[in-house]
Structure formats: structure tokens, C-alpha cells
């Protein structure tokens, strides 16, 4: 069984222009994940600090929107979970 919980969602400034205005933002997500073998009753792996981030421009002209950036972060996290699960096999 795979269980996960979003521990933290953070949006913050990432890059600034010459006038010190925010040019890009960064969305970061931390999750806690546990993969458990229910037949054997043991934890196969656990990570309480799995995280990923994506930069975006709120103008949305040449970069993803916040929602698109968030979706990309979740895709990265899912890929990390799959890779980590397959490592042991």
C-alpha cells in the first residue's frame, strides 16, 4: 500500500528584475510517503521529506502558470516515487 500526505505547499519569489520586482515565482511541495507490504506487514520504504519545485512567471507568457507548475511538481514527485519503488526490484 502506498500512502502519501502533502506536508507543505510553498509559493515564493524566485528571480527578480533590475528594479527588484519579482520576475518569477517558485512553487515547492513536500510530501511524506510510505510504501508498505501488507502481506509481510513491513515498511518497504518511507520518506518524510520528499520534495520538488518548479519556477513560473505569473504573466504566463513564456512559462507555466501556478496551476501548471503545481501539476509539473506532482508529476516529478510521482516519477520519484515510481523510481524509488522500482529500485528494490
Protein backbone atom coordinates (compact mmCIF):
# COMPACT_ATOMS: atom_id res chain seq x y z
CA UNK A 1 0.00 0.00 0.00
CA UNK A 2 1.29 3.44 -0.91
CA UNK A 3 0.24 6.32 1.34
CA UNK A 4 1.22 9.94 0.99
CA UNK A 5 0.41 13.22 2.65
CA UNK A 6 1.21 16.74 1.48
CA UNK A 7 3.23 18.21 4.32
CA UNK A 8 3.89 21.68 2.89
CA UNK A 9 2.99 23.81 -0.13
CA UNK A 10 5.02 26.96 -0.58
CA UNK A 11 4.95 29.74 -3.15
CA UNK A 12 7.73 32.29 -3.08
CA UNK A 13 9.83 34.68 -5.11
CA UNK A 14 12.46 33.01 -7.27
CA UNK A 15 14.03 35.65 -9.52
CA UNK A 16 13.95 39.44 -9.58
CA UNK A 17 14.40 42.06 -12.29
CA UNK A 18 16.72 45.09 -12.04
CA UNK A 19 14.04 47.09 -10.21
CA UNK A 20 13.85 44.33 -7.56
CA UNK A 21 10.37 43.29 -8.68
CA UNK A 22 9.61 39.59 -8.67
CA UNK A 23 10.11 38.20 -12.15
CA UNK A 24 9.49 34.52 -11.44
CA UNK A 25 7.91 32.61 -8.61
CA UNK A 26 8.65 29.10 -7.38
CA UNK A 27 6.14 26.58 -6.12
CA UNK A 28 7.57 23.90 -3.81
CA UNK A 29 5.78 20.86 -2.42
CA UNK A 30 6.93 18.49 0.32
CA UNK A 31 5.25 15.15 0.90
CA UNK A 32 5.55 12.28 3.33
CA UNK A 33 5.31 8.86 1.64
CA UNK A 34 5.20 5.29 2.97
CA UNK A 35 5.21 2.10 0.87
CA UNK A 36 4.12 -0.87 2.95
CA UNK A 37 3.99 -4.58 2.14
CA UNK A 38 0.65 -5.55 3.67
CA UNK A 39 1.25 -9.29 3.32
CA UNK A 40 4.53 -9.18 5.21
CA UNK A 41 3.46 -6.34 7.47
CA UNK A 42 6.63 -4.35 6.86
CA UNK A 43 7.52 -0.95 5.50
CA UNK A 44 9.41 -1.25 2.22
CA UNK A 45 10.47 2.40 2.21
CA UNK A 46 9.50 5.70 3.77
CA UNK A 47 10.45 9.30 3.12
CA UNK A 48 9.07 12.15 5.19
CA UNK A 49 10.87 14.87 3.21
CA UNK A 50 10.27 14.08 -0.47
CA UNK A 51 10.09 17.39 -2.33
CA UNK A 52 10.18 19.06 -5.72
CA UNK A 53 9.77 22.57 -7.13
CA UNK A 54 9.01 24.41 -10.36
CA UNK A 55 9.52 28.03 -11.35
CA UNK A 56 6.86 30.01 -13.20
CA UNK A 57 6.04 33.53 -14.32
CA UNK A 58 2.68 34.90 -13.18
CA UNK A 59 2.24 36.62 -16.53
CA UNK A 60 2.11 33.12 -18.01
CA UNK A 61 3.54 34.38 -21.29
CA UNK A 62 6.53 32.07 -21.68
CA UNK A 63 6.35 29.89 -18.64
CA UNK A 64 3.76 27.74 -16.90
CA UNK A 65 1.03 29.21 -14.72
CA UNK A 66 0.96 28.39 -11.00
CA UNK A 67 -1.51 25.54 -11.66
CA UNK A 68 0.67 24.14 -14.46
CA UNK A 69 3.78 24.46 -12.28
CA UNK A 70 1.99 22.63 -9.46
CA UNK A 71 0.97 19.84 -11.85
CA UNK A 72 4.59 19.52 -13.01
CA UNK A 73 5.75 19.28 -9.39
CA UNK A 74 3.27 16.47 -8.73
CA UNK A 75 4.46 14.68 -11.90
CA UNK A 76 8.07 14.95 -10.71
CA UNK A 77 7.09 13.61 -7.28
CA UNK A 78 5.15 10.72 -8.85
CA UNK A 79 8.15 9.87 -11.05
CA UNK A 80 10.42 9.94 -7.98
CA UNK A 81 8.06 7.61 -6.09
CA UNK A 82 7.91 5.16 -9.03
CA UNK A 83 11.71 5.19 -9.45
CA UNK A 84 12.27 4.64 -5.74
CA UNK A 85 9.71 1.81 -5.65
CA UNK A 86 11.30 0.06 -8.64
CA UNK A 87 14.85 0.43 -7.24
CA UNK A 88 14.42 -2.54 -4.96
CA UNK A 89 13.35 -4.90 -7.75
